[in-house]
Amino acid sequence: MSGAIPFVGSGKLAAWFPPDASFHASEMDSAFFTIYMAAAFAVILVVGLAFLFVMQNRRKDKNEKALPTGKANMLFQGLWVLCALGLALFAFNLDFCGFMDRQVAPGNATQIEVTARQWDYDFVYPNGHVADTLHVSIGEAVQLNLTSEDVVHSLTIPALRLNQAALPGQKTSAWFRADRQGTYDVRSNIYSGKGYPGMQTALVTHTEAGFDKWMASVTDIFAGKTMEEVGELLYNKHGCKACHSIDGVKLVGPSFKDLYGHTFDTKEGIQVVADDAYIKESILTPNVSVIAGFEPVMTPYEGKLNDKEIEAITAWLKTMSSLGADGSSQQEGN
């Protein structure tokens, strides 16, 4: 909305909400503001009449006797009930068509699979690309198909007036059509644990050409980058930093600093060398061999990362090892 509707006793009603970025958002705002103004008018009318009747019928003299109570005016009572019913039907009908439209996505809507977990989102595009931010083209209908890997979350995009729960083991969906270019907040509004405040990402809306350019640039993450750069990119993209530091600090999992090439004791009581094979095993099936002092809680990445991406992560880990790229110093020391 334009925000030109004045708020009773304040600034503007539109200041209550973030800027709208979709046609549905404008519809919902319009319905809300209209109902608000109708309700404000009704409150002013009722309070005004009550005040008028009190002033008109108050006792003006202490010796004045009250008039006998008359019969109820059925006409006025009926009109009052009809007015209240009419206001309720008006509010119901105001956004009913819009509500029904928001329940069913157009047949040509782009399908994006959304997986929520503690404490991030994965957005999977039709071509298989996985992103941690939501990118869409202006004017394109987009259907989000949501699920959760652990507990109940939600996907909330205030600029679209969109809020949809993500349930473990179930599919839910919501759709929208963005109509304004920009970057908008995306978050969960359902508490899901101690990391809940950090469960935030962004919606980025592009022109059609801009979206195609973005998709081309992210589809091949190796284009114009070294293996080490891609490895660091994947570390940030897949949320590895939530459990693995790069400065030696122990978190949920071991630090990546001085990991590659070193020998570690496992919970099973054997020693392993963090070489290429062990790194790959720890990414694809991380809970098979766990370093002592840590719990087997890592999410397996089998089917999520290919061999070249694992090679890139391994190359990046080598840059943080004091033993060099091949770990030969460790092997010679043993």
Protein backbone atom coordinates (compact mmCIF):
# COMPACT_ATOMS: atom_id res chain seq x y z
CA MET A 1 0.00 0.00 0.00
CA SER A 2 1.05 3.57 -0.39
CA GLY A 3 0.83 4.22 3.34
CA ALA A 4 -1.35 7.31 2.85
CA ILE A 5 -4.06 6.18 5.28
CA PRO A 6 -3.70 8.23 8.49
CA PHE A 7 -3.52 6.35 11.77
CA VAL A 8 -5.86 7.59 14.50
CA GLY A 9 -3.67 9.58 16.90
CA SER A 10 -0.37 8.47 15.34
CA GLY A 11 1.63 8.45 12.12
CA LYS A 12 0.66 6.07 9.33
CA LEU A 13 -0.81 2.58 9.42
CA ALA A 14 1.67 1.35 6.82
CA ALA A 15 4.47 1.96 9.32
CA TRP A 16 3.22 -1.11 11.20
CA PHE A 17 4.61 -3.45 8.56
CA PRO A 18 7.82 -3.81 6.53
CA PRO A 19 7.58 -2.76 2.85
CA ASP A 20 5.51 -5.25 0.88
CA ALA A 21 7.27 -7.21 -1.86
CA SER A 22 4.42 -9.21 -3.37
CA PHE A 23 0.91 -8.76 -4.67
CA HIS A 24 -0.45 -10.94 -1.87
CA ALA A 25 1.22 -8.72 0.72
CA SER A 26 -0.55 -5.66 -0.68
CA GLU A 27 -3.88 -7.50 -0.60
CA MET A 28 -3.43 -8.57 3.02
CA ASP A 29 -2.34 -5.09 4.11
CA SER A 30 -5.34 -3.55 2.39
CA ALA A 31 -7.71 -5.98 4.12
CA PHE A 32 -6.10 -5.35 7.50
CA PHE A 33 -6.18 -1.58 7.20
CA THR A 34 -9.80 -1.59 5.99
CA ILE A 35 -10.92 -3.78 8.88
CA TYR A 36 -8.93 -1.65 11.29
CA MET A 37 -10.59 1.55 10.08
CA ALA A 38 -14.05 -0.06 10.17
CA ALA A 39 -13.41 -1.32 13.71
CA ALA A 40 -12.08 2.10 14.78
CA PHE A 41 -15.21 3.74 13.38
CA ALA A 42 -17.43 1.24 15.24
CA VAL A 43 -15.59 1.85 18.51
CA ILE A 44 -15.84 5.62 18.12
CA LEU A 45 -19.55 5.33 17.25
CA VAL A 46 -20.39 3.08 20.22
CA VAL A 47 -18.35 5.06 22.74
CA GLY A 48 -19.70 8.33 21.36
CA LEU A 49 -23.32 7.19 21.60
CA ALA A 50 -22.75 5.81 25.09
CA PHE A 51 -21.28 9.14 26.21
CA LEU A 52 -24.14 11.04 24.54
CA PHE A 53 -26.79 8.90 26.25
CA VAL A 54 -25.08 9.23 29.63
CA MET A 55 -24.98 13.02 29.32
CA GLN A 56 -28.53 13.21 27.99
CA ASN A 57 -30.09 10.97 30.62
CA ARG A 58 -28.03 11.74 33.69
CA ARG A 59 -29.82 12.93 36.83
CA LYS A 60 -29.71 16.73 36.80
CA ASP A 61 -31.29 17.21 40.21
CA LYS A 62 -30.83 15.04 43.27
CA ASN A 63 -34.58 15.05 43.84
CA GLU A 64 -35.34 14.00 40.30
CA LYS A 65 -36.85 10.55 40.01
CA ALA A 66 -35.88 8.06 37.36
CA LEU A 67 -38.34 7.45 34.57
CA PRO A 68 -39.98 4.03 34.42
CA THR A 69 -38.18 1.54 32.20
CA GLY A 70 -39.84 1.23 28.86
CA LYS A 71 -40.15 -1.80 26.62
CA ALA A 72 -37.18 -2.87 24.50
CA ASN A 73 -37.22 -1.42 21.03
CA MET A 74 -37.09 -4.54 18.89
CA LEU A 75 -36.41 -2.55 15.75
CA PHE A 76 -33.30 -0.94 17.17
CA GLN A 77 -32.10 -4.23 18.67
CA GLY A 78 -32.59 -5.98 15.37
CA LEU A 79 -30.75 -3.25 13.48
CA TRP A 80 -27.88 -3.44 15.99
CA VAL A 81 -27.54 -7.22 15.53
CA LEU A 82 -27.72 -6.85 11.76
CA CYS A 83 -25.02 -4.17 11.80
CA ALA A 84 -22.71 -6.40 13.87
CA LEU A 85 -23.40 -9.34 11.58
CA GLY A 86 -22.84 -7.17 8.52
CA LEU A 87 -19.48 -6.01 9.87
CA ALA A 88 -18.43 -9.62 10.49
CA LEU A 89 -19.48 -10.69 6.98
CA PHE A 90 -17.74 -7.66 5.51
CA ALA A 91 -14.49 -8.59 7.27
CA PHE A 92 -14.83 -12.26 6.22
CA ASN A 93 -15.52 -11.41 2.59
CA LEU A 94 -12.84 -8.74 2.36
CA ASP A 95 -9.96 -11.21 1.95
CA PHE A 96 -11.77 -14.51 1.39
CA CYS A 97 -10.94 -14.63 -2.32
CA GLY A 98 -7.33 -13.67 -1.59
CA PHE A 99 -7.12 -16.34 1.11
CA MET A 100 -8.38 -19.02 -1.28
CA ASP A 101 -5.96 -17.84 -3.96
CA ARG A 102 -3.03 -18.19 -1.55
CA GLN A 103 -3.91 -21.83 -0.84
CA VAL A 104 -3.41 -23.12 -4.39
CA ALA A 105 -0.34 -22.31 -6.46
CA PRO A 106 -0.58 -21.83 -10.23
CA GLY A 107 0.14 -24.94 -12.25
CA ASN A 108 3.30 -23.40 -13.76
CA ALA A 109 4.80 -22.35 -10.41
CA THR A 110 8.50 -23.06 -9.94
CA GLN A 111 8.91 -25.79 -7.31
CA ILE A 112 11.57 -25.16 -4.65
CA GLU A 113 12.16 -27.78 -1.97
CA VAL A 114 12.89 -26.31 1.46
CA THR A 115 14.48 -28.31 4.27
CA ALA A 116 14.62 -26.72 7.72
CA ARG A 117 16.88 -27.92 10.49
CA GLN A 118 18.59 -26.60 13.60
CA TRP A 119 19.45 -23.89 12.66
CA ASP A 120 19.39 -23.18 8.94
CA TYR A 121 17.54 -23.82 5.68
CA ASP A 122 18.38 -25.58 2.41
CA PHE A 123 16.63 -24.40 -0.77
CA VAL A 124 16.79 -26.98 -3.57
CA TYR A 125 16.03 -25.63 -7.06
CA PRO A 126 14.56 -27.66 -9.94
CA ASN A 127 18.03 -28.14 -11.48
CA GLY A 128 19.32 -29.66 -8.23
CA HIS A 129 21.26 -26.62 -7.02
CA VAL A 130 21.22 -26.24 -3.23
CA ALA A 131 21.45 -22.76 -1.70
CA ASP A 132 21.24 -21.41 1.83
CA THR A 133 19.43 -18.27 0.64
CA LEU A 134 16.23 -18.04 -1.38
CA HIS A 135 16.63 -16.45 -4.82
CA VAL A 136 13.63 -15.86 -7.11
CA SER A 137 12.72 -13.91 -10.21
CA ILE A 138 10.27 -11.01 -10.02
CA GLY A 139 6.86 -11.89 -11.44
CA GLU A 140 7.45 -15.64 -11.30
CA ALA A 141 5.13 -17.85 -9.25
CA VAL A 142 7.15 -19.86 -6.74
CA GLN A 143 5.87 -22.75 -4.63
CA LEU A 144 7.87 -23.67 -1.53
CA ASN A 145 7.56 -27.30 -0.40
CA LEU A 146 8.72 -27.48 3.19
CA THR A 147 9.81 -30.21 5.55
CA SER A 148 11.99 -30.44 8.66
CA GLU A 149 14.85 -32.79 9.49
CA ASP A 150 14.42 -32.56 13.26
CA VAL A 151 11.86 -30.44 15.12
CA VAL A 152 9.07 -28.05 14.15
CA HIS A 153 10.30 -24.86 12.47
CA SER A 154 8.67 -22.23 10.31
CA LEU A 155 9.60 -20.19 7.27
CA THR A 156 8.59 -16.58 7.79
CA ILE A 157 9.11 -13.85 5.19
CA PRO A 158 7.61 -10.63 6.59
CA ALA A 159 7.93 -8.69 3.32
CA LEU A 160 5.70 -11.28 1.62
CA ARG A 161 3.36 -11.62 4.64
CA LEU A 162 4.18 -15.35 4.36
CA ASN A 163 4.44 -17.76 7.27
CA GLN A 164 4.43 -21.55 6.91
CA ALA A 165 5.30 -24.30 9.37
CA ALA A 166 7.95 -26.90 8.47
CA LEU A 167 7.07 -30.23 10.10
CA PRO A 168 9.28 -33.30 10.54
CA GLY A 169 8.16 -36.17 8.34
CA GLN A 170 5.50 -34.10 6.58
CA LYS A 171 5.25 -31.78 3.59
CA THR A 172 3.68 -28.34 3.78
CA SER A 173 3.60 -25.72 1.06
CA ALA A 174 3.14 -22.02 0.38
CA TRP A 175 3.46 -19.94 -2.75
CA PHE A 176 4.08 -16.33 -3.69
CA ARG A 177 4.90 -14.03 -6.58
CA ALA A 178 7.44 -11.32 -5.75
CA ASP A 179 6.87 -7.94 -7.41
CA ARG A 180 9.72 -5.83 -6.05
CA GLN A 181 13.47 -6.22 -6.39
CA GLY A 182 15.52 -6.32 -3.20
CA THR A 183 16.79 -8.40 -0.29
CA TYR A 184 14.39 -9.34 2.51
CA ASP A 185 14.60 -11.10 5.87
CA VAL A 186 13.74 -14.79 6.19
CA ARG A 187 13.53 -16.41 9.60
CA SER A 188 11.70 -18.90 11.78
CA ASN A 189 9.16 -17.67 14.31
CA ILE A 190 8.91 -20.97 16.20
CA TYR A 191 11.39 -21.58 19.02
CA SER A 192 13.49 -24.64 18.19
CA GLY A 193 16.38 -24.62 20.63
CA LYS A 194 19.28 -22.51 21.85
CA GLY A 195 20.43 -21.64 18.31
CA TYR A 196 17.00 -20.32 17.31
CA PRO A 197 17.99 -16.60 17.12
CA GLY A 198 20.55 -17.45 14.45
CA MET A 199 18.07 -19.27 12.21
CA GLN A 200 17.94 -16.49 9.67
CA THR A 201 18.65 -16.16 5.98
CA ALA A 202 17.46 -13.93 3.13
CA LEU A 203 15.12 -13.73 0.16
CA VAL A 204 16.77 -12.10 -2.85
CA THR A 205 14.48 -11.06 -5.69
CA HIS A 206 16.02 -10.52 -9.14
CA THR A 207 14.95 -9.41 -12.56
CA GLU A 208 14.61 -12.37 -14.91
CA ALA A 209 18.02 -11.65 -16.44
CA GLY A 210 19.55 -11.15 -13.00
CA PHE A 211 18.17 -14.47 -11.75
CA ASP A 212 19.51 -16.33 -14.79
CA LYS A 213 22.91 -14.73 -14.24
CA TRP A 214 22.90 -15.70 -10.56
CA MET A 215 21.89 -19.28 -11.33
CA ALA A 216 24.64 -19.61 -13.94
CA SER A 217 27.22 -18.29 -11.48
CA VAL A 218 26.31 -20.67 -8.64
CA THR A 219 25.58 -23.81 -10.64
CA ASP A 220 29.31 -24.28 -11.29
CA ILE A 221 30.95 -23.30 -8.00
CA PHE A 222 34.38 -24.18 -9.41
CA ALA A 223 34.26 -21.58 -12.17
CA GLY A 224 37.02 -19.00 -11.60
CA LYS A 225 38.00 -20.43 -8.19
CA THR A 226 40.83 -22.56 -6.84
CA MET A 227 40.07 -25.85 -5.10
CA GLU A 228 40.98 -24.27 -1.77
CA GLU A 229 38.58 -21.36 -2.35
CA VAL A 230 35.77 -23.75 -3.22
CA GLY A 231 36.50 -25.76 -0.08
CA GLU A 232 36.15 -22.67 2.10
CA LEU A 233 32.97 -21.72 0.23
CA LEU A 234 31.46 -25.15 0.96
CA TYR A 235 32.50 -24.88 4.63
CA ASN A 236 30.44 -21.70 4.95
CA LYS A 237 27.62 -22.78 2.65
CA HIS A 238 26.82 -26.02 4.46
CA GLY A 239 27.01 -24.58 7.96
CA CYS A 240 30.14 -26.52 8.99
CA LYS A 241 31.32 -23.51 11.02
CA ALA A 242 28.54 -24.12 13.55
CA CYS A 243 30.35 -27.25 14.77
CA HIS A 244 33.95 -26.95 13.50
CA SER A 245 36.15 -23.93 14.19
CA ILE A 246 39.21 -22.97 12.17
CA ASP A 247 41.17 -21.47 15.06
CA GLY A 248 41.73 -24.52 17.25
CA VAL A 249 38.70 -24.01 19.52
CA LYS A 250 36.74 -27.21 20.18
CA LEU A 251 33.05 -26.94 19.46
CA VAL A 252 30.57 -29.76 18.86
CA GLY A 253 33.17 -31.32 16.56
CA PRO A 254 36.96 -31.08 16.29
CA SER A 255 38.58 -27.91 14.97
CA PHE A 256 39.74 -27.93 11.37
CA LYS A 257 42.99 -26.26 12.35
CA ASP A 258 45.82 -28.82 12.29
CA LEU A 259 43.39 -31.60 11.42
CA TYR A 260 44.71 -32.88 8.12
CA GLY A 261 47.66 -35.31 8.39
CA HIS A 262 47.53 -35.64 12.16
CA THR A 263 46.91 -38.85 14.06
CA PHE A 264 43.95 -39.09 16.43
CA ASP A 265 42.50 -41.63 18.84
CA THR A 266 38.92 -42.65 18.12
CA LYS A 267 36.11 -43.58 20.49
CA GLU A 268 36.64 -47.18 19.38
CA GLY A 269 40.18 -47.13 20.80
CA ILE A 270 42.09 -47.16 17.51
CA GLN A 271 44.31 -44.56 15.91
CA VAL A 272 43.51 -42.96 12.57
CA VAL A 273 45.36 -40.54 10.33
CA ALA A 274 43.24 -37.69 9.00
CA ASP A 275 44.27 -38.25 5.39
CA ASP A 276 42.23 -37.92 2.19
CA ALA A 277 40.42 -41.22 2.75
CA TYR A 278 39.53 -40.43 6.36
CA ILE A 279 38.30 -36.93 5.46
CA LYS A 280 36.03 -38.39 2.78
CA GLU A 281 34.69 -41.05 5.16
CA SER A 282 34.09 -38.44 7.86
CA ILE A 283 32.03 -36.31 5.46
CA LEU A 284 29.94 -39.07 3.90
CA THR A 285 29.50 -41.36 6.93
CA PRO A 286 30.79 -39.26 9.85
CA ASN A 287 29.56 -41.43 12.69
CA VAL A 288 31.42 -44.60 11.67
CA SER A 289 34.73 -43.48 13.17
CA VAL A 290 34.50 -40.62 15.68
CA ILE A 291 37.50 -38.88 17.25
CA ALA A 292 37.71 -39.43 21.01
CA GLY A 293 36.15 -36.67 23.07
CA PHE A 294 33.31 -36.01 20.61
CA GLU A 295 29.86 -37.50 20.08
CA PRO A 296 28.53 -39.11 16.86
CA VAL A 297 26.02 -36.35 16.09
CA MET A 298 27.14 -35.08 12.67
CA THR A 299 24.68 -35.19 9.77
CA PRO A 300 25.90 -37.51 6.97
CA TYR A 301 26.57 -35.73 3.67
CA GLU A 302 26.34 -38.79 1.46
CA GLY A 303 24.42 -37.76 -1.64
CA LYS A 304 24.83 -34.07 -0.81
CA LEU A 305 28.48 -33.58 -1.80
CA ASN A 306 30.19 -35.11 -4.82
CA ASP A 307 33.79 -36.35 -5.02
CA LYS A 308 35.13 -33.13 -6.53
CA GLU A 309 33.55 -31.05 -3.77
CA ILE A 310 35.07 -33.35 -1.14
CA GLU A 311 38.45 -32.96 -2.84
CA ALA A 312 38.03 -29.18 -2.60
CA ILE A 313 37.23 -29.38 1.12
CA THR A 314 40.26 -31.62 1.64
CA ALA A 315 42.49 -29.17 -0.28
CA TRP A 316 41.26 -26.35 1.95
CA LEU A 317 41.90 -28.38 5.12
CA LYS A 318 45.49 -28.95 3.96
CA THR A 319 46.07 -25.19 3.96
CA MET A 320 45.34 -25.13 7.70
CA SER A 321 47.64 -28.03 8.59
CA SER A 322 51.07 -27.38 10.07
CA LEU A 323 52.25 -30.61 8.47
CA GLY A 324 51.98 -29.34 4.93
CA ALA A 325 49.73 -30.29 2.08
CA ASP A 326 50.59 -34.01 2.14
CA GLY A 327 51.01 -34.49 5.88
CA SER A 328 54.42 -36.07 5.22
CA SER A 329 55.97 -34.65 8.39
CA GLN A 330 53.44 -36.58 10.46
CA GLN A 331 53.99 -39.77 8.52
CA GLU A 332 57.79 -39.49 8.88
CA GLY A 333 57.45 -38.73 12.58
CA ASN A 334 55.52 -41.94 13.06
